[in-house]
Structure formats: C-alpha cells, structure tokens
Amino acid sequence: MKSALNIIIAREYLERVKRKSFIISTLLVPLLMVVLMFAPAAIMLLDTPESRSVAVIDDSGKIAQRLKSSDEITFVNYSQPLDSARADENIEAIITIGPKAIDKPNSSITVYYRGAPSLSTDSYISGQLKNAIEDLRLEAYNIANIKQILEEVNVDLSYPTIRIDKEEETSTSSMLSYIIALMMDMMLYMFILIYGSMVMNSIIEEKNNRVLEIVVSSVKPSSLMLGKIIGIGLVAITQILIWAVILGACSAWLMPLAASIPTAETDAEVLSAIGQLSDFGYVASLFIYMILFFIGGYLFYSAIYAAIGSAVDNVQDASQLSTIATMPVIIGIIASMSVIQNPGSTMAFWISIFPFTSPMAMMSRLPFGVPFWEIALSLVLLYASFLFLIWLCAKIYRVGIFMYGKKPSFVEILRWARYK
C-alpha cells in the first residue's frame, strides 16, 4: 500500500510539474506582480498631460482670480454668457459662480463638462474652489496672518509604532500588516480553489477514460484519492517555494535601498514598514504559518473536491456540486475582511478556529500578531478535521468512481458516506 501510494503521488506530481503551463505560470506570476507594482508609476511618467481650458463665469467677483492653473488645467475668467461659453469648442469645462457663493457654495456653484470628466480634473477643480472659498472666509475675520497661523498650528502627524509583546522591541506598521493580510488571504483563496478544482477535474478525466477502473483493481480507492490529493498539493507547494525564493531575492535587493533613504525625509509609517519587513523572524514565521495553513486548507477542501469529482461524470455537473466546497471558502474570505479590521475580537478568534474558515481567517490575523496557543489550536483542529473528512470522503469516493450516467443528488451522496 505504501509503495502504491508513493507511485500515485510521484505520478500526479511529476506529470504536472513537467508541463509547460506550470513552468510558464511559475515564472510569469512574480514578473506580473513586479509589473503591476511599477506599472502605475511608469504610466504616470510616460503620460503627457493635456492642457484643458476651463471658463469661469464669476458673479461674485472674488473667486475666479484665486483659482490657480496647472499644467493640465487653465482657468480663464470668462465675461460672456453661459451659452457663448457652451458654443466655444476650445473650452472643456465651465464653472458658473453665483453672487452668494462664499456663504452658500453648494447652491451657488455649477460645473459643466464637455463629455465625462476625469477624476483628476474634477478633483483639481473642486480643490481649487474649496481653497479659494476657505481663504475668503478666513480673510473675513480680519485677523492678521490668520492663514499663516493656521498653517503653523496644523500638525502632519507621523510617528513610529513599536511592538512590546516580544522580547526585543520591533517596528510594526498597521498599513503593511493590512496589506500582507489581504495578499495572503487572496493567495490562499486562489490556491485552494485552483488546486482543489485540479483534484476534482483529474478524477473526472480519469473516470471518463475508465482509467480508474483499472487502477483500483490493484490500489485501494482511499489510497488513490489520498495519492492524488498529496501529489497535486506538492505541486502547489513547489510553486509557492519558487515564488518565495524569487520574492525573497527581490526583497533582499530592495530593502537595503529603501533603508538607505535619510530618516528625516522618510515618513515614519514607511520606516516602520521597512523595519517590519527587515525582521527576519517575523517574515519567516509568516511564511511557515502560511505554508501550514495552506497545506491544511488544501487537504481539507481537496478531500471534498475529490468526493465531488468521483460522484459525477462531467465538469458541468461538478460545477453545480462544487458549491458545497466553494461557499465556505467564499464565506471565509468575506469574514476575513471583518477580521482584518479587528483581528483581536472574539468573532475573529472563533472564525479563525472553525476549520471551514480558519485557513482564511487566521491568515488575516497573523500579520497583526496572534498568541501561539491560538495558532496551534487552529492548526490541530484543521488537521484533525481533515483526517475525519478524508475518512468520510473516501467512503463516498469508493462508491462514486464506479457510478456512471447519472448525477447523484446530495441525499444519495450522504447515503454513500454511510455505507460500511
């Protein structure tokens, strides 16, 4: 049995790792991530701003002269009526300002656009109008240097944050923790669905080719199912490890560059993020826990996918039944959005302990710091649930692989699980 299981694992693993699609996707995904990180900055550098003329019809006589033009937007004080400005095709937008705009701006200002405005254009015009009206209101108080006083009073608060729940004080960044939690959650969600579906599709394909009937004559159905799950799971882990090496190499190159920026010119939040990413123990523990929860989550859900694949003859029927496996994952992802907002809440604790949602929820909590006993309890329950589920799904699998021509109901599948 042991040798047969090893053969099945090796076959499932090598068959997929040698495929060109695996090699290409493994190399392209990190490259795509880097491109997505730098694409916005590259687009902004390459994008040449277009000059737009904005006519200002100001009946208050005070606001138009305070609007400052930019490289993209030029404000033109327009003395002619609105209809005349509409007819001028060189004008992209028109601002009409009523005589009471300073006291009642919302009911006194209207902006007309030729076509749908861009967010940047609308934001710039809104900001200029707001600044002009605020300046005029401040001047009405007739206090010398009031604007300068307000600027001096204004505080741009940015401070480092330090964790004290460790032996050594280490920097921490709530924004970075949020981003890491979101990324790990999405990665786990993606891997569980992709590789769980891969197990299901593999079983359906071999069932249609009648390969399973030959294989089970020499291998127990439970060993065959477990071999497929482990073999495909090792493919996923291989991909994760390759990505970790690539991203680790990129981080080792980028972190010293980021850390070399002078402290006085760097935002404290950025410095905290750099310090957090520079903490090897923190990064290593996150990666180890991610692997453990990925393996547990994958094993847990792939057993369900394997049972579904054995019960149907085609992908169309499988897609309907796979809702059984997909819905808890989606619920876990939705719940994780709330967990990220408050990772220390009672709800977050129970969601991260319940096996159906624990892989996603615990991934959301880990970057913020979780007591070890909670992580250990979550892992023990997850892997124990997998052992129970693999026993239950193996009973469905051994009956389902010999069923052809009829899509079973959910009640029938449960009946298979009760067979001895």
Protein backbone atom coordinates (compact mmCIF):
# COMPACT_ATOMS: atom_id res chain seq x y z
CA MET A 1 0.00 0.00 0.00
CA LYS A 2 2.81 2.36 0.90
CA SER A 3 4.66 1.83 -2.37
CA ALA A 4 1.43 2.18 -4.38
CA LEU A 5 0.66 5.46 -2.61
CA ASN A 6 4.17 6.75 -3.35
CA ILE A 7 3.81 5.83 -7.02
CA ILE A 8 0.50 7.69 -7.29
CA ILE A 9 1.94 10.76 -5.53
CA ALA A 10 5.01 10.77 -7.80
CA ARG A 11 2.87 10.36 -10.92
CA GLU A 12 0.50 13.19 -10.03
CA TYR A 13 3.39 15.46 -9.05
CA LEU A 14 5.78 14.82 -11.97
CA GLU A 15 3.02 14.86 -14.56
CA ARG A 16 2.08 18.43 -13.61
CA VAL A 17 5.48 19.88 -12.74
CA LYS A 18 6.86 18.92 -16.17
CA ARG A 19 4.08 20.71 -18.02
CA LYS A 20 4.98 23.90 -19.87
CA SER A 21 1.96 25.66 -18.35
CA PHE A 22 3.35 25.08 -14.83
CA ILE A 23 6.82 26.39 -15.75
CA ILE A 24 5.44 29.43 -17.56
CA SER A 25 2.94 30.36 -14.82
CA THR A 26 5.56 29.88 -12.09
CA LEU A 27 7.94 32.29 -13.79
CA LEU A 28 5.34 34.76 -15.08
CA VAL A 29 3.38 35.37 -11.86
CA PRO A 30 6.30 37.03 -9.94
CA LEU A 31 7.12 39.03 -13.06
CA LEU A 32 3.49 40.07 -13.36
CA MET A 33 3.47 41.13 -9.69
CA VAL A 34 6.54 43.32 -10.25
CA VAL A 35 4.97 44.82 -13.39
CA LEU A 36 1.75 45.60 -11.50
CA MET A 37 3.77 47.28 -8.74
CA PHE A 38 5.71 49.55 -11.09
CA ALA A 39 3.17 49.97 -13.92
CA PRO A 40 1.26 52.90 -12.33
CA ALA A 41 4.47 54.87 -11.78
CA ALA A 42 5.68 54.11 -15.33
CA ILE A 43 2.35 55.17 -16.81
CA MET A 44 2.43 58.43 -14.86
CA LEU A 45 5.96 59.15 -16.12
CA LEU A 46 5.08 58.38 -19.73
CA ASP A 47 1.70 60.09 -19.67
CA THR A 48 1.86 63.57 -21.21
CA PRO A 49 -0.69 65.88 -19.60
CA GLU A 50 -3.18 67.52 -21.99
CA SER A 51 -3.98 71.18 -21.46
CA ARG A 52 -7.65 71.93 -20.80
CA SER A 53 -9.28 75.36 -20.72
CA VAL A 54 -11.88 75.93 -18.03
CA ALA A 55 -14.09 79.00 -18.35
CA VAL A 56 -15.03 80.72 -15.07
CA ILE A 57 -18.14 82.91 -15.03
CA ASP A 58 -17.85 84.54 -11.61
CA ASP A 59 -20.75 86.74 -10.49
CA SER A 60 -19.20 87.08 -7.02
CA GLY A 61 -16.16 88.83 -8.49
CA LYS A 62 -13.85 87.32 -5.88
CA ILE A 63 -13.31 83.60 -6.52
CA ALA A 64 -12.12 83.39 -10.16
CA GLN A 65 -8.95 85.42 -9.51
CA ARG A 66 -7.91 82.97 -6.76
CA LEU A 67 -8.10 79.83 -8.89
CA LYS A 68 -4.60 78.63 -9.78
CA SER A 69 -3.94 77.00 -13.15
CA SER A 70 -1.82 73.88 -13.57
CA ASP A 71 -0.04 72.12 -16.44
CA GLU A 72 -3.29 70.37 -17.31
CA ILE A 73 -5.96 72.91 -16.41
CA THR A 74 -6.01 76.59 -17.32
CA PHE A 75 -8.68 78.75 -15.69
CA VAL A 76 -9.98 81.52 -17.96
CA ASN A 77 -12.02 84.40 -16.49
CA TYR A 78 -14.98 84.45 -18.88
CA SER A 79 -17.13 87.57 -19.07
CA GLN A 80 -19.58 86.36 -21.73
CA PRO A 81 -22.85 84.49 -21.05
CA LEU A 82 -23.04 80.72 -20.46
CA ASP A 83 -24.46 79.99 -23.95
CA SER A 84 -21.46 81.66 -25.54
CA ALA A 85 -19.09 79.52 -23.48
CA ARG A 86 -21.04 76.37 -24.44
CA ALA A 87 -20.54 77.18 -28.13
CA ASP A 88 -16.76 77.61 -27.77
CA GLU A 89 -15.30 74.14 -28.52
CA ASN A 90 -11.91 75.16 -27.11
CA ILE A 91 -13.43 75.21 -23.64
CA GLU A 92 -13.55 71.80 -21.92
CA ALA A 93 -15.47 72.88 -18.81
CA ILE A 94 -17.43 75.85 -17.49
CA ILE A 95 -17.72 76.98 -13.87
CA THR A 96 -20.60 79.30 -13.00
CA ILE A 97 -20.28 81.03 -9.63
CA GLY A 98 -23.25 82.86 -8.12
CA PRO A 99 -23.04 86.12 -6.09
CA LYS A 100 -23.57 84.25 -2.77
CA ALA A 101 -21.01 81.51 -3.47
CA ILE A 102 -18.86 82.37 -0.44
CA ASP A 103 -21.74 81.90 2.02
CA LYS A 104 -23.69 79.21 0.14
CA PRO A 105 -21.26 77.47 -2.25
CA ASN A 106 -23.27 74.25 -2.74
CA SER A 107 -26.27 76.09 -4.16
CA SER A 108 -24.31 78.80 -5.97
CA ILE A 109 -21.68 76.86 -7.96
CA THR A 110 -22.29 74.67 -11.02
CA VAL A 111 -19.67 72.96 -13.20
CA TYR A 112 -20.44 71.99 -16.80
CA TYR A 113 -18.25 69.45 -18.61
CA ARG A 114 -17.92 68.69 -22.29
CA GLY A 115 -18.18 64.91 -22.02
CA ALA A 116 -17.49 62.87 -18.90
CA PRO A 117 -14.81 64.44 -16.68
CA SER A 118 -11.76 62.56 -15.45
CA LEU A 119 -11.35 62.05 -11.70
CA SER A 120 -8.16 64.09 -11.65
CA THR A 121 -9.78 67.05 -13.44
CA ASP A 122 -12.87 67.04 -11.25
CA SER A 123 -10.75 66.69 -8.10
CA TYR A 124 -8.45 69.57 -9.08
CA ILE A 125 -11.33 71.96 -9.87
CA SER A 126 -13.12 71.02 -6.64
CA GLY A 127 -9.93 71.53 -4.62
CA GLN A 128 -9.26 74.97 -6.13
CA LEU A 129 -12.80 76.15 -5.48
CA LYS A 130 -12.66 74.87 -1.90
CA ASN A 131 -9.31 76.57 -1.19
CA ALA A 132 -10.48 79.87 -2.67
CA ILE A 133 -13.70 79.96 -0.64
CA GLU A 134 -11.89 78.96 2.58
CA ASP A 135 -9.30 81.74 2.06
CA LEU A 136 -12.03 84.33 1.53
CA ARG A 137 -13.90 83.20 4.65
CA LEU A 138 -10.70 83.41 6.73
CA GLU A 139 -9.97 86.91 5.46
CA ALA A 140 -13.46 87.98 6.52
CA TYR A 141 -12.40 87.55 10.18
CA ASN A 142 -9.84 90.32 9.62
CA ILE A 143 -7.15 88.68 11.72
CA ALA A 144 -3.58 89.45 10.65
CA ASN A 145 -1.65 86.46 9.28
CA ILE A 146 -4.53 84.08 10.09
CA LYS A 147 -3.62 81.71 7.28
CA GLN A 148 0.00 81.52 8.41
CA ILE A 149 -1.17 80.90 12.00
CA LEU A 150 -3.36 78.00 10.86
CA GLU A 151 -0.52 76.52 8.84
CA GLU A 152 1.77 76.67 11.87
CA VAL A 153 -0.90 75.13 14.10
CA ASN A 154 -1.61 72.31 11.66
CA VAL A 155 0.22 69.07 12.55
CA ASP A 156 1.12 66.43 9.98
CA LEU A 157 1.35 63.57 12.48
CA SER A 158 3.53 60.61 11.55
CA TYR A 159 5.09 58.51 14.30
CA PRO A 160 6.81 55.10 14.53
CA THR A 161 4.94 52.21 16.14
CA ILE A 162 6.77 49.58 18.23
CA ARG A 163 5.58 46.16 19.41
CA ILE A 164 6.19 45.47 23.11
CA ASP A 165 4.78 41.91 23.21
CA LYS A 166 8.16 40.50 22.10
CA GLU A 167 11.46 40.14 23.94
CA GLU A 168 13.02 42.72 21.63
CA GLU A 169 11.23 45.87 20.56
CA THR A 170 10.43 45.69 16.85
CA SER A 171 8.84 48.13 14.43
CA THR A 172 5.34 47.48 13.19
CA SER A 173 3.08 49.08 10.60
CA SER A 174 -0.71 48.65 10.66
CA MET A 175 -0.95 49.52 6.96
CA LEU A 176 1.69 46.95 6.00
CA SER A 177 0.02 44.32 8.20
CA TYR A 178 -3.28 45.07 6.47
CA ILE A 179 -1.73 44.71 3.00
CA ILE A 180 0.10 41.49 3.93
CA ALA A 181 -3.08 40.00 5.44
CA LEU A 182 -5.07 40.85 2.32
CA MET A 183 -2.43 39.40 -0.03
CA MET A 184 -2.04 36.18 1.99
CA ASP A 185 -5.81 35.79 2.14
CA MET A 186 -6.19 36.16 -1.62
CA MET A 187 -3.29 33.77 -2.29
CA LEU A 188 -4.79 31.13 -0.02
CA TYR A 189 -8.22 31.56 -1.60
CA MET A 190 -6.74 31.26 -5.09
CA PHE A 191 -4.63 28.18 -4.30
CA ILE A 192 -7.41 26.29 -2.53
CA LEU A 193 -9.85 26.82 -5.39
CA ILE A 194 -7.34 26.23 -8.21
CA TYR A 195 -5.65 23.13 -6.83
CA GLY A 196 -8.81 21.75 -5.24
CA SER A 197 -10.54 22.00 -8.62
CA MET A 198 -7.49 20.38 -10.19
CA VAL A 199 -8.01 17.30 -7.98
CA MET A 200 -11.68 17.17 -8.96
CA ASN A 201 -11.03 17.58 -12.71
CA SER A 202 -8.27 14.95 -12.64
CA ILE A 203 -10.64 12.40 -11.12
CA ILE A 204 -13.42 13.25 -13.62
CA GLU A 205 -10.99 12.91 -16.54
CA GLU A 206 -9.68 9.51 -15.42
CA LYS A 207 -13.19 8.35 -14.62
CA ASN A 208 -14.36 9.18 -18.14
CA ASN A 209 -11.32 7.41 -19.63
CA ARG A 210 -12.11 4.36 -17.47
CA VAL A 211 -8.56 4.52 -16.08
CA LEU A 212 -9.82 4.39 -12.50
CA GLU A 213 -11.46 1.01 -13.04
CA ILE A 214 -8.04 -0.45 -13.93
CA VAL A 215 -6.12 1.36 -11.18
CA VAL A 216 -8.48 0.42 -8.32
CA SER A 217 -8.03 -3.25 -9.19
CA SER A 218 -4.58 -3.02 -7.59
CA VAL A 219 -4.88 0.03 -5.33
CA LYS A 220 -7.42 0.82 -2.66
CA PRO A 221 -9.76 3.73 -3.61
CA SER A 222 -8.80 5.60 -0.42
CA SER A 223 -5.07 5.33 -1.29
CA LEU A 224 -5.77 6.51 -4.83
CA MET A 225 -7.69 9.56 -3.58
CA LEU A 226 -5.04 10.40 -0.98
CA GLY A 227 -2.27 9.99 -3.55
CA LYS A 228 -3.95 12.44 -5.91
CA ILE A 229 -4.52 14.98 -3.16
CA ILE A 230 -0.93 14.81 -1.86
CA GLY A 231 0.65 14.76 -5.34
CA ILE A 232 -1.23 17.84 -6.56
CA GLY A 233 -0.65 19.54 -3.20
CA LEU A 234 3.11 19.08 -3.62
CA VAL A 235 2.84 20.85 -6.99
CA ALA A 236 1.27 23.85 -5.25
CA ILE A 237 3.93 23.86 -2.51
CA THR A 238 6.69 23.70 -5.14
CA GLN A 239 5.21 26.74 -6.83
CA ILE A 240 4.93 28.65 -3.55
CA LEU A 241 8.56 27.85 -2.64
CA ILE A 242 9.83 29.04 -6.03
CA TRP A 243 7.86 32.27 -5.69
CA ALA A 244 9.17 32.73 -2.14
CA VAL A 245 12.78 32.42 -3.35
CA ILE A 246 12.18 34.91 -6.19
CA LEU A 247 10.34 37.41 -3.98
CA GLY A 248 12.91 36.91 -1.20
CA ALA A 249 15.73 37.74 -3.61
CA CYS A 250 13.87 40.86 -4.76
CA SER A 251 13.28 41.91 -1.13
CA ALA A 252 16.95 41.37 -0.25
CA TRP A 253 17.85 43.71 -3.10
CA LEU A 254 15.18 46.36 -2.49
CA MET A 255 15.20 46.56 1.33
CA PRO A 256 18.75 47.98 1.64
CA LEU A 257 17.86 50.61 -0.97
CA ALA A 258 14.73 51.58 0.94
CA ALA A 259 16.54 51.59 4.29
CA SER A 260 19.24 53.90 2.89
CA ILE A 261 16.76 56.75 2.48
CA PRO A 262 17.52 59.50 5.03
CA THR A 263 15.31 59.25 8.11
CA ALA A 264 14.37 62.92 8.15
CA GLU A 265 12.91 62.73 4.66
CA THR A 266 11.07 59.47 5.16
CA ASP A 267 7.57 59.05 6.56
CA ALA A 268 7.53 57.24 9.91
CA GLU A 269 4.94 54.77 8.60
CA VAL A 270 7.30 53.85 5.76
CA LEU A 271 10.20 53.42 8.19
CA SER A 272 8.02 51.18 10.40
CA ALA A 273 7.10 49.10 7.36
CA ILE A 274 10.76 48.76 6.36
CA GLY A 275 11.65 47.75 9.92
CA GLN A 276 8.86 45.18 9.98
CA LEU A 277 9.93 43.65 6.66
CA SER A 278 13.55 43.62 7.85
CA ASP A 279 12.57 41.46 10.84
CA PHE A 280 13.67 38.02 9.59
CA GLY A 281 11.85 36.18 12.38
CA TYR A 282 8.59 37.94 11.55
CA VAL A 283 8.81 37.23 7.81
CA ALA A 284 9.94 33.62 8.34
CA SER A 285 7.13 32.88 10.82
CA LEU A 286 4.55 34.33 8.43
CA PHE A 287 5.85 32.15 5.60
CA ILE A 288 5.93 28.99 7.74
CA TYR A 289 2.41 29.56 9.06
CA MET A 290 1.17 30.34 5.55
CA ILE A 291 2.53 27.01 4.33
CA LEU A 292 0.99 25.13 7.27
CA PHE A 293 -2.43 26.72 6.83
CA PHE A 294 -2.26 26.36 3.08
CA ILE A 295 -1.50 22.63 3.40
CA GLY A 296 -4.26 22.19 5.98
CA GLY A 297 -6.79 24.22 3.99
CA TYR A 298 -5.88 22.50 0.75
CA LEU A 299 -6.10 19.00 2.28
CA PHE A 300 -9.41 19.86 3.94
CA TYR A 301 -11.11 21.20 0.82
CA SER A 302 -9.45 18.91 -1.74
CA ALA A 303 -10.99 15.92 0.06
CA ILE A 304 -14.40 17.47 -0.61
CA TYR A 305 -13.45 18.20 -4.23
CA ALA A 306 -12.25 14.60 -4.67
CA ALA A 307 -15.56 13.25 -3.37
CA ILE A 308 -17.45 15.56 -5.77
CA GLY A 309 -15.25 14.52 -8.71
CA SER A 310 -15.91 10.84 -8.02
CA ALA A 311 -19.67 11.39 -7.89
CA VAL A 312 -20.12 12.97 -11.36
CA ASP A 313 -19.19 12.23 -14.96
CA ASN A 314 -18.54 15.75 -16.34
CA VAL A 315 -17.34 19.19 -15.33
CA GLN A 316 -20.79 20.76 -15.80
CA ASP A 317 -22.36 18.53 -13.14
CA ALA A 318 -19.31 19.00 -10.93
CA SER A 319 -19.59 22.81 -11.07
CA GLN A 320 -23.05 22.59 -9.52
CA LEU A 321 -21.99 20.31 -6.68
CA SER A 322 -18.72 22.17 -6.11
CA THR A 323 -20.74 24.95 -4.49
CA ILE A 324 -20.58 22.74 -1.39
CA ALA A 325 -16.82 23.32 -1.26
CA THR A 326 -16.74 26.85 -2.71
CA MET A 327 -19.29 28.55 -0.46
CA PRO A 328 -17.40 28.02 2.86
CA VAL A 329 -14.24 29.40 1.23
CA ILE A 330 -16.09 32.50 -0.01
CA ILE A 331 -17.73 32.95 3.41
CA GLY A 332 -14.28 32.67 4.97
CA ILE A 333 -12.91 35.37 2.65
CA ILE A 334 -15.84 37.72 3.36
CA ALA A 335 -15.48 37.13 7.11
CA SER A 336 -11.74 37.81 6.81
CA MET A 337 -12.45 41.37 5.64
CA SER A 338 -14.05 41.99 9.05
CA VAL A 339 -11.26 40.10 10.81
CA ILE A 340 -8.62 42.38 9.26
CA GLN A 341 -10.42 45.42 10.70
CA ASN A 342 -10.44 43.96 14.22
CA PRO A 343 -8.09 40.92 14.44
CA GLY A 344 -8.29 40.67 18.22
CA SER A 345 -12.08 40.43 18.52
CA THR A 346 -13.99 37.43 19.88
CA MET A 347 -15.61 36.89 16.48
CA ALA A 348 -12.18 36.87 14.81
CA PHE A 349 -11.00 34.23 17.29
CA TRP A 350 -13.88 31.82 16.63
CA ILE A 351 -13.79 32.28 12.86
CA SER A 352 -10.05 31.52 12.89
CA ILE A 353 -10.66 28.35 14.93
CA PHE A 354 -13.59 26.89 12.91
CA PRO A 355 -11.97 24.53 10.32
CA PHE A 356 -14.11 25.64 7.35
CA THR A 357 -12.97 29.27 7.71
CA SER A 358 -9.79 29.01 9.80
CA PRO A 359 -7.24 28.99 6.91
CA MET A 360 -8.52 32.31 5.53
CA ALA A 361 -9.34 33.97 8.88
CA MET A 362 -6.04 33.04 10.55
CA MET A 363 -4.12 34.33 7.54
CA SER A 364 -5.87 37.66 8.11
CA ARG A 365 -4.87 37.75 11.78
CA LEU A 366 -1.26 36.53 11.61
CA PRO A 367 0.39 39.77 10.35
CA PHE A 368 -1.07 41.62 13.36
CA GLY A 369 0.29 39.11 15.90
CA VAL A 370 -1.60 36.12 17.31
CA PRO A 371 -0.81 34.16 20.52
CA PHE A 372 0.91 30.86 19.70
CA TRP A 373 -1.70 28.75 21.51
CA GLU A 374 -4.44 30.12 19.24
CA ILE A 375 -2.41 29.26 16.12
CA ALA A 376 -1.65 25.78 17.48
CA LEU A 377 -5.31 25.15 18.38
CA SER A 378 -6.44 26.29 14.94
CA LEU A 379 -3.91 24.01 13.20
CA VAL A 380 -4.76 20.98 15.37
CA LEU A 381 -8.49 21.36 14.67
CA LEU A 382 -7.88 21.92 10.96
CA TYR A 383 -5.70 18.82 10.50
CA ALA A 384 -7.93 16.69 12.75
CA SER A 385 -10.93 17.76 10.68
CA PHE A 386 -9.04 16.79 7.54
CA LEU A 387 -8.42 13.28 8.90
CA PHE A 388 -12.13 12.89 9.64
CA LEU A 389 -13.09 14.37 6.27
CA ILE A 390 -10.67 12.14 4.33
CA TRP A 391 -12.21 9.09 6.03
CA LEU A 392 -15.73 10.30 5.19
CA CYS A 393 -14.95 11.37 1.61
CA ALA A 394 -13.06 8.13 0.93
CA LYS A 395 -16.31 6.24 1.57
CA ILE A 396 -18.07 8.46 -1.00
CA TYR A 397 -15.14 8.14 -3.38
CA ARG A 398 -15.05 4.33 -3.39
CA VAL A 399 -18.73 4.22 -4.45
CA GLY A 400 -18.73 7.26 -6.73
CA ILE A 401 -15.88 6.19 -9.02
CA PHE A 402 -17.98 3.24 -10.24
CA MET A 403 -21.16 5.28 -10.84
CA TYR A 404 -21.82 6.38 -14.44
CA GLY A 405 -24.62 8.02 -16.41
CA LYS A 406 -26.48 9.71 -13.56
CA LYS A 407 -25.82 12.78 -11.47
CA PRO A 408 -26.48 11.79 -7.85
CA SER A 409 -28.44 14.02 -5.50
CA PHE A 410 -26.95 15.36 -2.30
CA VAL A 411 -29.04 12.86 -0.32
CA GLU A 412 -27.59 9.96 -2.35
CA ILE A 413 -24.05 11.16 -1.72
CA LEU A 414 -24.74 11.24 2.01
CA ARG A 415 -26.12 7.70 1.74
CA TRP A 416 -22.84 6.56 0.16
CA ALA A 417 -20.99 8.03 3.15
CA ARG A 418 -22.97 5.73 5.49
CA TYR A 419 -22.02 2.54 3.63
CA LYS A 420 -19.64 0.27 5.53
